[in-house]
Amino acid sequence: MDSFERQEHRLNEAPERRPRVRKNVTAAIAEDICSERYPSGSPLPRENDLCDIYGVSRTVIRESLKILESKGLVRGKPRIGTTVCDKDDWNILDQDVLEWMGPYIAEFDILGCILEARRTIEPVAAEYAAERATAQEIADLEKAWRQMRDSGHDPERFTEADVMFHTVLLSASHNQVFRRLSSAIHAGLKYALHASNVAVDSRDEAIAVHGDLVEALRLRNRTAARDCAHRMLDLAARDLAAAEKAIGRAEKNNT
């Protein structure tokens, strides 16, 4: 059965009524796209049919499709309708898209790709920060590190502090491109850090190496700062491997 036959089969199933809140309707359509109820390259049902499927007005459907188009999931054309975009066009670093992808996220290797980006950027950013960071930026990094240390048993709070640490680090490099990249990958970085943080029982090693990096910046030691960044990324690689195994087990249990 090819993708279009699967789509027809799924559309012939009894439609599930969805919540009328616009955000929930947008998420419901997006999740159906991610699950390949509507495969890449296929047309979405007509607006009237979408209204029936999701139990909302045409106005709500149109607003939802605009949101999905802004995030690269669909493309609308006059007289043709709305088509599901290729997955390569999706804005996979968008917070909403990451949430919609949910259990299908492993297919995109998001965790591995973010780690590769961090390996390229963070050691150099740490080295620059050792030379350029202001006293306030170092204080902000230490504050984030202390929050990590004090919330070691709470993965949610730990991740918030961890994200803040890496955001400040890139900013402290005083490289405008690194600062822009920090904003661009923020949601993806948060997802990756959270995945690694919940996959391990102890975060003591991560807390220690983040503290060492703060000290290296305080001493203006560029070599030590770069070394700390590499150590952090090696830990991240180990923890992400554990996270991917956990995701694989969850997917297996759900099949």
C-alpha atoms as a PDB file:
ATOM      1  CA  MET A   1       0.000   0.000   0.000  1.00  0.00           C
ATOM      2  CA  ASP A   2       1.603   3.310  -1.085  1.00  0.00           C
ATOM      3  CA  SER A   3       1.415   6.575   0.858  1.00  0.00           C
ATOM      4  CA  PHE A   4      -1.592   7.924  -1.021  1.00  0.00           C
ATOM      5  CA  GLU A   5      -3.527   4.688  -0.509  1.00  0.00           C
ATOM      6  CA  ARG A   6      -2.685   4.836   3.193  1.00  0.00           C
ATOM      7  CA  GLN A   7      -3.947   8.401   3.278  1.00  0.00           C
ATOM      8  CA  GLU A   8      -7.230   7.415   1.609  1.00  0.00           C
ATOM      9  CA  HIS A   9      -7.632   4.517   4.032  1.00  0.00           C
ATOM     10  CA  ARG A  10      -7.056   6.783   7.027  1.00  0.00           C
ATOM     11  CA  LEU A  11      -9.425   9.432   5.751  1.00  0.00           C
ATOM     12  CA  ASN A  12     -12.122   6.784   5.359  1.00  0.00           C
ATOM     13  CA  GLU A  13     -11.800   5.951   9.023  1.00  0.00           C
ATOM     14  CA  ALA A  14     -14.292   7.565  11.380  1.00  0.00           C
ATOM     15  CA  PRO A  15     -13.048  11.121  11.945  1.00  0.00           C
ATOM     16  CA  GLU A  16     -11.990  11.985  15.442  1.00  0.00           C
ATOM     17  CA  ARG A  17     -13.492  15.176  16.789  1.00  0.00           C
ATOM     18  CA  ARG A  18     -10.788  17.552  17.973  1.00  0.00           C
ATOM     19  CA  PRO A  19     -10.899  20.434  20.490  1.00  0.00           C
ATOM     20  CA  ARG A  20     -12.197  23.722  19.146  1.00  0.00           C
ATOM     21  CA  VAL A  21      -9.353  25.814  20.540  1.00  0.00           C
ATOM     22  CA  ARG A  22      -7.323  27.042  17.562  1.00  0.00           C
ATOM     23  CA  LYS A  23      -3.972  26.043  19.008  1.00  0.00           C
ATOM     24  CA  ASN A  24      -5.225  22.497  19.581  1.00  0.00           C
ATOM     25  CA  VAL A  25      -6.589  22.303  16.031  1.00  0.00           C
ATOM     26  CA  THR A  26      -3.249  23.442  14.638  1.00  0.00           C
ATOM     27  CA  ALA A  27      -1.462  20.841  16.743  1.00  0.00           C
ATOM     28  CA  ALA A  28      -3.938  18.131  15.706  1.00  0.00           C
ATOM     29  CA  ILE A  29      -3.371  18.775  11.990  1.00  0.00           C
ATOM     30  CA  ALA A  30       0.395  18.988  12.533  1.00  0.00           C
ATOM     31  CA  GLU A  31       0.480  15.730  14.460  1.00  0.00           C
ATOM     32  CA  ASP A  32      -1.515  14.042  11.678  1.00  0.00           C
ATOM     33  CA  ILE A  33       1.095  15.314   9.221  1.00  0.00           C
ATOM     34  CA  CYS A  34       3.955  14.031  11.379  1.00  0.00           C
ATOM     35  CA  SER A  35       2.295  10.626  11.696  1.00  0.00           C
ATOM     36  CA  GLU A  36       1.937  10.553   7.881  1.00  0.00           C
ATOM     37  CA  ARG A  37      -1.817  10.476   7.913  1.00  0.00           C
ATOM     38  CA  TYR A  38      -1.098  13.219   5.397  1.00  0.00           C
ATOM     39  CA  PRO A  39       2.261  12.210   3.848  1.00  0.00           C
ATOM     40  CA  SER A  40       4.812  14.630   2.405  1.00  0.00           C
ATOM     41  CA  GLY A  41       3.847  15.704  -1.090  1.00  0.00           C
ATOM     42  CA  SER A  42       0.180  14.819  -0.670  1.00  0.00           C
ATOM     43  CA  PRO A  43      -2.665  17.328  -0.701  1.00  0.00           C
ATOM     44  CA  LEU A  44      -4.535  18.036   2.494  1.00  0.00           C
ATOM     45  CA  PRO A  45      -8.305  17.463   2.405  1.00  0.00           C
ATOM     46  CA  ARG A  46     -10.405  20.388   1.223  1.00  0.00           C
ATOM     47  CA  GLU A  47     -11.242  23.087   3.763  1.00  0.00           C
ATOM     48  CA  ASN A  48     -14.815  21.869   4.166  1.00  0.00           C
ATOM     49  CA  ASP A  49     -13.554  18.341   4.846  1.00  0.00           C
ATOM     50  CA  LEU A  50     -11.021  19.628   7.356  1.00  0.00           C
ATOM     51  CA  CYS A  51     -13.845  21.477   9.103  1.00  0.00           C
ATOM     52  CA  ASP A  52     -15.732  18.189   9.447  1.00  0.00           C
ATOM     53  CA  ILE A  53     -12.679  16.236  10.587  1.00  0.00           C
ATOM     54  CA  TYR A  54     -11.564  18.735  13.240  1.00  0.00           C
ATOM     55  CA  GLY A  55     -14.974  20.148  14.184  1.00  0.00           C
ATOM     56  CA  VAL A  56     -14.210  23.826  13.631  1.00  0.00           C
ATOM     57  CA  SER A  57     -15.099  26.639  11.253  1.00  0.00           C
ATOM     58  CA  ARG A  58     -13.339  27.481   7.981  1.00  0.00           C
ATOM     59  CA  THR A  59     -11.893  30.576   9.651  1.00  0.00           C
ATOM     60  CA  VAL A  60     -10.145  28.447  12.285  1.00  0.00           C
ATOM     61  CA  ILE A  61      -8.891  26.002   9.649  1.00  0.00           C
ATOM     62  CA  ARG A  62      -7.497  28.826   7.542  1.00  0.00           C
ATOM     63  CA  GLU A  63      -5.714  30.368  10.538  1.00  0.00           C
ATOM     64  CA  SER A  64      -4.270  26.993  11.469  1.00  0.00           C
ATOM     65  CA  LEU A  65      -3.012  26.400   7.928  1.00  0.00           C
ATOM     66  CA  LYS A  66      -1.321  29.812   7.965  1.00  0.00           C
ATOM     67  CA  ILE A  67       0.530  28.848  11.124  1.00  0.00           C
ATOM     68  CA  LEU A  68       1.574  25.515   9.653  1.00  0.00           C
ATOM     69  CA  GLU A  69       2.730  27.221   6.460  1.00  0.00           C
ATOM     70  CA  SER A  70       4.837  29.685   8.458  1.00  0.00           C
ATOM     71  CA  LYS A  71       6.617  26.716  10.046  1.00  0.00           C
ATOM     72  CA  GLY A  72       7.262  24.966   6.743  1.00  0.00           C
ATOM     73  CA  LEU A  73       4.871  22.030   7.140  1.00  0.00           C
ATOM     74  CA  VAL A  74       2.460  22.928   4.343  1.00  0.00           C
ATOM     75  CA  ARG A  75       2.280  25.166   1.283  1.00  0.00           C
ATOM     76  CA  GLY A  76      -0.890  26.658  -0.111  1.00  0.00           C
ATOM     77  CA  LYS A  77      -1.392  27.584  -3.769  1.00  0.00           C
ATOM     78  CA  PRO A  78      -4.392  29.244  -5.428  1.00  0.00           C
ATOM     79  CA  ARG A  79      -6.670  26.799  -7.280  1.00  0.00           C
ATOM     80  CA  ILE A  80      -4.522  23.881  -6.141  1.00  0.00           C
ATOM     81  CA  GLY A  81      -5.056  23.797  -2.415  1.00  0.00           C
ATOM     82  CA  THR A  82      -2.701  22.996   0.431  1.00  0.00           C
ATOM     83  CA  THR A  83       0.073  20.434   0.053  1.00  0.00           C
ATOM     84  CA  VAL A  84       2.229  18.848   2.759  1.00  0.00           C
ATOM     85  CA  CYS A  85       5.843  19.956   2.354  1.00  0.00           C
ATOM     86  CA  ASP A  86       8.841  17.669   2.260  1.00  0.00           C
ATOM     87  CA  LYS A  87      10.276  17.053   5.730  1.00  0.00           C
ATOM     88  CA  ASP A  88      13.488  18.824   4.709  1.00  0.00           C
ATOM     89  CA  ASP A  89      11.465  22.048   4.540  1.00  0.00           C
ATOM     90  CA  TRP A  90      10.058  21.796   8.067  1.00  0.00           C
ATOM     91  CA  ASN A  91      11.409  24.230  10.656  1.00  0.00           C
ATOM     92  CA  ILE A  92      12.567  21.448  12.928  1.00  0.00           C
ATOM     93  CA  LEU A  93      14.169  23.861  15.420  1.00  0.00           C
ATOM     94  CA  ASP A  94      10.830  25.524  16.142  1.00  0.00           C
ATOM     95  CA  GLN A  95       9.485  24.721  19.609  1.00  0.00           C
ATOM     96  CA  ASP A  96       6.000  23.890  18.322  1.00  0.00           C
ATOM     97  CA  VAL A  97       7.322  21.655  15.531  1.00  0.00           C
ATOM     98  CA  LEU A  98       9.519  19.756  18.004  1.00  0.00           C
ATOM     99  CA  GLU A  99       6.464  19.117  20.161  1.00  0.00           C
ATOM    100  CA  TRP A 100       4.303  18.073  17.199  1.00  0.00           C
ATOM    101  CA  MET A 101       6.935  15.626  15.977  1.00  0.00           C
ATOM    102  CA  GLY A 102       6.764  13.894  19.362  1.00  0.00           C
ATOM    103  CA  PRO A 103       7.374  10.140  19.025  1.00  0.00           C
ATOM    104  CA  TYR A 104       8.478  10.536  15.387  1.00  0.00           C
ATOM    105  CA  ILE A 105      11.384  12.808  16.256  1.00  0.00           C
ATOM    106  CA  ALA A 106      13.976  10.023  16.174  1.00  0.00           C
ATOM    107  CA  GLU A 107      13.504   9.798  12.391  1.00  0.00           C
ATOM    108  CA  PHE A 108      15.073  13.252  12.044  1.00  0.00           C
ATOM    109  CA  ASP A 109      18.166  12.578  14.227  1.00  0.00           C
ATOM    110  CA  ILE A 110      17.576  15.952  15.889  1.00  0.00           C
ATOM    111  CA  LEU A 111      19.692  15.061  18.907  1.00  0.00           C
ATOM    112  CA  GLY A 112      22.685  14.002  16.822  1.00  0.00           C
ATOM    113  CA  CYS A 113      22.477  17.049  14.563  1.00  0.00           C
ATOM    114  CA  ILE A 114      22.321  19.469  17.491  1.00  0.00           C
ATOM    115  CA  LEU A 115      25.307  17.777  19.113  1.00  0.00           C
ATOM    116  CA  GLU A 116      27.303  18.135  15.883  1.00  0.00           C
ATOM    117  CA  ALA A 117      26.424  21.842  15.760  1.00  0.00           C
ATOM    118  CA  ARG A 118      27.460  22.294  19.377  1.00  0.00           C
ATOM    119  CA  ARG A 119      30.793  20.530  18.766  1.00  0.00           C
ATOM    120  CA  THR A 120      31.481  23.013  15.983  1.00  0.00           C
ATOM    121  CA  ILE A 121      30.474  26.124  17.917  1.00  0.00           C
ATOM    122  CA  GLU A 122      30.831  25.802  21.686  1.00  0.00           C
ATOM    123  CA  PRO A 123      34.572  25.099  22.104  1.00  0.00           C
ATOM    124  CA  VAL A 124      35.427  28.161  20.020  1.00  0.00           C
ATOM    125  CA  ALA A 125      32.784  30.247  21.807  1.00  0.00           C
ATOM    126  CA  ALA A 126      34.235  29.199  25.171  1.00  0.00           C
ATOM    127  CA  GLU A 127      37.717  30.204  24.062  1.00  0.00           C
ATOM    128  CA  TYR A 128      36.500  33.613  22.896  1.00  0.00           C
ATOM    129  CA  ALA A 129      34.483  34.049  26.096  1.00  0.00           C
ATOM    130  CA  ALA A 130      37.629  33.478  28.179  1.00  0.00           C
ATOM    131  CA  GLU A 131      39.103  36.509  26.480  1.00  0.00           C
ATOM    132  CA  ARG A 132      36.032  38.712  25.951  1.00  0.00           C
ATOM    133  CA  ALA A 133      33.408  37.959  28.614  1.00  0.00           C
ATOM    134  CA  THR A 134      32.505  40.824  30.911  1.00  0.00           C
ATOM    135  CA  ALA A 135      32.472  40.455  34.681  1.00  0.00           C
ATOM    136  CA  GLN A 136      28.664  40.509  34.553  1.00  0.00           C
ATOM    137  CA  GLU A 137      28.540  37.712  31.970  1.00  0.00           C
ATOM    138  CA  ILE A 138      30.829  35.560  34.087  1.00  0.00           C
ATOM    139  CA  ALA A 139      28.603  36.295  37.079  1.00  0.00           C
ATOM    140  CA  ASP A 140      25.551  35.276  35.026  1.00  0.00           C
ATOM    141  CA  LEU A 141      27.267  32.017  34.046  1.00  0.00           C
ATOM    142  CA  GLU A 142      28.094  31.320  37.676  1.00  0.00           C
ATOM    143  CA  LYS A 143      24.469  32.037  38.636  1.00  0.00           C
ATOM    144  CA  ALA A 144      23.240  29.546  36.031  1.00  0.00           C
ATOM    145  CA  TRP A 145      25.803  26.996  37.242  1.00  0.00           C
ATOM    146  CA  ARG A 146      24.651  27.418  40.860  1.00  0.00           C
ATOM    147  CA  GLN A 147      21.049  26.898  39.759  1.00  0.00           C
ATOM    148  CA  MET A 148      22.132  23.687  38.013  1.00  0.00           C
ATOM    149  CA  ARG A 149      23.953  22.547  41.139  1.00  0.00           C
ATOM    150  CA  ASP A 150      20.985  23.311  43.396  1.00  0.00           C
ATOM    151  CA  SER A 151      18.434  21.547  41.172  1.00  0.00           C
ATOM    152  CA  GLY A 152      20.398  18.404  40.363  1.00  0.00           C
ATOM    153  CA  HIS A 153      17.461  16.173  41.287  1.00  0.00           C
ATOM    154  CA  ASP A 154      14.890  18.180  39.307  1.00  0.00           C
ATOM    155  CA  PRO A 155      15.478  17.642  35.559  1.00  0.00           C
ATOM    156  CA  GLU A 156      13.075  20.417  34.547  1.00  0.00           C
ATOM    157  CA  ARG A 157      14.733  23.113  36.655  1.00  0.00           C
ATOM    158  CA  PHE A 158      18.160  21.703  35.829  1.00  0.00           C
ATOM    159  CA  THR A 159      17.444  21.981  32.099  1.00  0.00           C
ATOM    160  CA  GLU A 160      16.236  25.586  32.435  1.00  0.00           C
ATOM    161  CA  ALA A 161      19.501  26.521  34.142  1.00  0.00           C
ATOM    162  CA  ASP A 162      21.514  24.459  31.646  1.00  0.00           C
ATOM    163  CA  VAL A 163      19.911  26.248  28.684  1.00  0.00           C
ATOM    164  CA  MET A 164      20.577  29.613  30.327  1.00  0.00           C
ATOM    165  CA  PHE A 165      24.233  28.648  30.856  1.00  0.00           C
ATOM    166  CA  HIS A 166      24.817  27.808  27.202  1.00  0.00           C
ATOM    167  CA  THR A 167      22.872  30.840  26.004  1.00  0.00           C
ATOM    168  CA  VAL A 168      25.019  33.161  28.131  1.00  0.00           C
ATOM    169  CA  LEU A 169      28.173  31.339  27.008  1.00  0.00           C
ATOM    170  CA  LEU A 170      27.486  31.988  23.325  1.00  0.00           C
ATOM    171  CA  SER A 171      26.599  35.593  24.092  1.00  0.00           C
ATOM    172  CA  ALA A 172      29.794  36.017  26.137  1.00  0.00           C
ATOM    173  CA  SER A 173      31.845  35.104  23.059  1.00  0.00           C
ATOM    174  CA  HIS A 174      30.889  38.551  21.703  1.00  0.00           C
ATOM    175  CA  ASN A 175      30.628  37.024  18.263  1.00  0.00           C
ATOM    176  CA  GLN A 176      27.478  38.302  16.574  1.00  0.00           C
ATOM    177  CA  VAL A 177      27.005  35.139  14.497  1.00  0.00           C
ATOM    178  CA  PHE A 178      27.257  32.910  17.579  1.00  0.00           C
ATOM    179  CA  ARG A 179      24.729  35.129  19.331  1.00  0.00           C
ATOM    180  CA  ARG A 180      22.289  34.770  16.412  1.00  0.00           C
ATOM    181  CA  LEU A 181      22.849  31.028  16.333  1.00  0.00           C
ATOM    182  CA  SER A 182      21.981  30.902  20.019  1.00  0.00           C
ATOM    183  CA  SER A 183      18.532  32.304  19.237  1.00  0.00           C
ATOM    184  CA  ALA A 184      18.090  30.081  16.189  1.00  0.00           C
ATOM    185  CA  ILE A 185      18.827  26.816  17.964  1.00  0.00           C
ATOM    186  CA  HIS A 186      17.354  27.729  21.376  1.00  0.00           C
ATOM    187  CA  ALA A 187      14.345  25.393  21.165  1.00  0.00           C
ATOM    188  CA  GLY A 188      16.413  22.557  19.719  1.00  0.00           C
ATOM    189  CA  LEU A 189      19.115  23.030  22.347  1.00  0.00           C
ATOM    190  CA  LYS A 190      16.488  22.959  25.111  1.00  0.00           C
ATOM    191  CA  TYR A 191      15.043  19.745  23.689  1.00  0.00           C
ATOM    192  CA  ALA A 192      18.475  18.100  23.426  1.00  0.00           C
ATOM    193  CA  LEU A 193      19.592  19.163  26.908  1.00  0.00           C
ATOM    194  CA  HIS A 194      16.335  17.999  28.451  1.00  0.00           C
ATOM    195  CA  ALA A 195      16.596  14.636  26.691  1.00  0.00           C
ATOM    196  CA  SER A 196      20.107  14.083  28.008  1.00  0.00           C
ATOM    197  CA  ASN A 197      19.311  15.376  31.505  1.00  0.00           C
ATOM    198  CA  VAL A 198      16.382  13.010  32.046  1.00  0.00           C
ATOM    199  CA  ALA A 199      18.302  10.030  30.645  1.00  0.00           C
ATOM    200  CA  VAL A 200      20.860   9.887  33.464  1.00  0.00           C
ATOM    201  CA  ASP A 201      20.509   9.194  37.171  1.00  0.00           C
ATOM    202  CA  SER A 202      23.258  11.599  38.271  1.00  0.00           C
ATOM    203  CA  ARG A 203      24.198  14.994  36.878  1.00  0.00           C
ATOM    204  CA  ASP A 204      27.219  15.475  39.124  1.00  0.00           C
ATOM    205  CA  GLU A 205      29.749  15.208  36.286  1.00  0.00           C
ATOM    206  CA  ALA A 206      27.907  17.818  34.229  1.00  0.00           C
ATOM    207  CA  ILE A 207      27.692  20.149  37.222  1.00  0.00           C
ATOM    208  CA  ALA A 208      31.429  19.767  37.878  1.00  0.00           C
ATOM    209  CA  VAL A 209      32.556  20.498  34.318  1.00  0.00           C
ATOM    210  CA  HIS A 210      30.245  23.513  34.009  1.00  0.00           C
ATOM    211  CA  GLY A 211      31.792  24.848  37.215  1.00  0.00           C
ATOM    212  CA  ASP A 212      35.273  24.258  35.810  1.00  0.00           C
ATOM    213  CA  LEU A 213      34.345  26.293  32.736  1.00  0.00           C
ATOM    214  CA  VAL A 214      33.188  29.217  34.869  1.00  0.00           C
ATOM    215  CA  GLU A 215      36.532  29.112  36.703  1.00  0.00           C
ATOM    216  CA  ALA A 216      38.455  28.983  33.412  1.00  0.00           C
ATOM    217  CA  LEU A 217      36.651  32.096  32.211  1.00  0.00           C
ATOM    218  CA  ARG A 218      37.323  33.871  35.494  1.00  0.00           C
ATOM    219  CA  LEU A 219      41.045  33.099  35.095  1.00  0.00           C
ATOM    220  CA  ARG A 220      40.916  34.127  31.400  1.00  0.00           C
ATOM    221  CA  ASN A 221      42.387  30.742  30.478  1.00  0.00           C
ATOM    222  CA  ARG A 222      41.413  30.143  26.859  1.00  0.00           C
ATOM    223  CA  THR A 223      42.937  26.668  26.623  1.00  0.00           C
ATOM    224  CA  ALA A 224      41.202  25.465  29.775  1.00  0.00           C
ATOM    225  CA  ALA A 225      37.903  26.951  28.627  1.00  0.00           C
ATOM    226  CA  ARG A 226      38.087  25.140  25.304  1.00  0.00           C
ATOM    227  CA  ASP A 227      39.016  21.891  27.068  1.00  0.00           C
ATOM    228  CA  CYS A 228      36.026  22.234  29.398  1.00  0.00           C
ATOM    229  CA  ALA A 229      33.705  22.727  26.444  1.00  0.00           C
ATOM    230  CA  HIS A 230      35.021  19.537  24.829  1.00  0.00           C
ATOM    231  CA  ARG A 231      34.514  17.645  28.094  1.00  0.00           C
ATOM    232  CA  MET A 232      30.944  18.941  28.346  1.00  0.00           C
ATOM    233  CA  LEU A 233      30.223  17.775  24.817  1.00  0.00           C
ATOM    234  CA  ASP A 234      31.720  14.340  25.456  1.00  0.00           C
ATOM    235  CA  LEU A 235      29.370  14.000  28.434  1.00  0.00           C
ATOM    236  CA  ALA A 236      26.498  15.206  26.277  1.00  0.00           C
ATOM    237  CA  ALA A 237      27.291  12.565  23.647  1.00  0.00           C
ATOM    238  CA  ARG A 238      27.238   9.826  26.278  1.00  0.00           C
ATOM    239  CA  ASP A 239      23.984  11.056  27.815  1.00  0.00           C
ATOM    240  CA  LEU A 240      22.310  11.549  24.438  1.00  0.00           C
ATOM    241  CA  ALA A 241      23.146   7.953  23.536  1.00  0.00           C
ATOM    242  CA  ALA A 242      21.269   6.931  26.669  1.00  0.00           C
ATOM    243  CA  ALA A 243      18.406   9.256  25.717  1.00  0.00           C
ATOM    244  CA  GLU A 244      18.128   7.751  22.237  1.00  0.00           C
ATOM    245  CA  LYS A 245      17.991   4.260  23.737  1.00  0.00           C
ATOM    246  CA  ALA A 246      15.192   5.419  26.039  1.00  0.00           C
ATOM    247  CA  ILE A 247      13.297   6.905  23.089  1.00  0.00           C
ATOM    248  CA  GLY A 248      13.753   3.657  21.175  1.00  0.00           C
ATOM    249  CA  ARG A 249      12.390   1.641  24.086  1.00  0.00           C
ATOM    250  CA  ALA A 250       9.397   3.969  24.381  1.00  0.00           C
ATOM    251  CA  GLU A 251       8.641   3.630  20.672  1.00  0.00           C
ATOM    252  CA  LYS A 252       8.925  -0.160  20.904  1.00  0.00           C
ATOM    253  CA  ASN A 253       6.521  -0.235  23.837  1.00  0.00           C
ATOM    254  CA  ASN A 254       4.021   1.901  21.920  1.00  0.00           C
ATOM    255  CA  THR A 255       3.961  -0.391  18.862  1.00  0.00           C
END
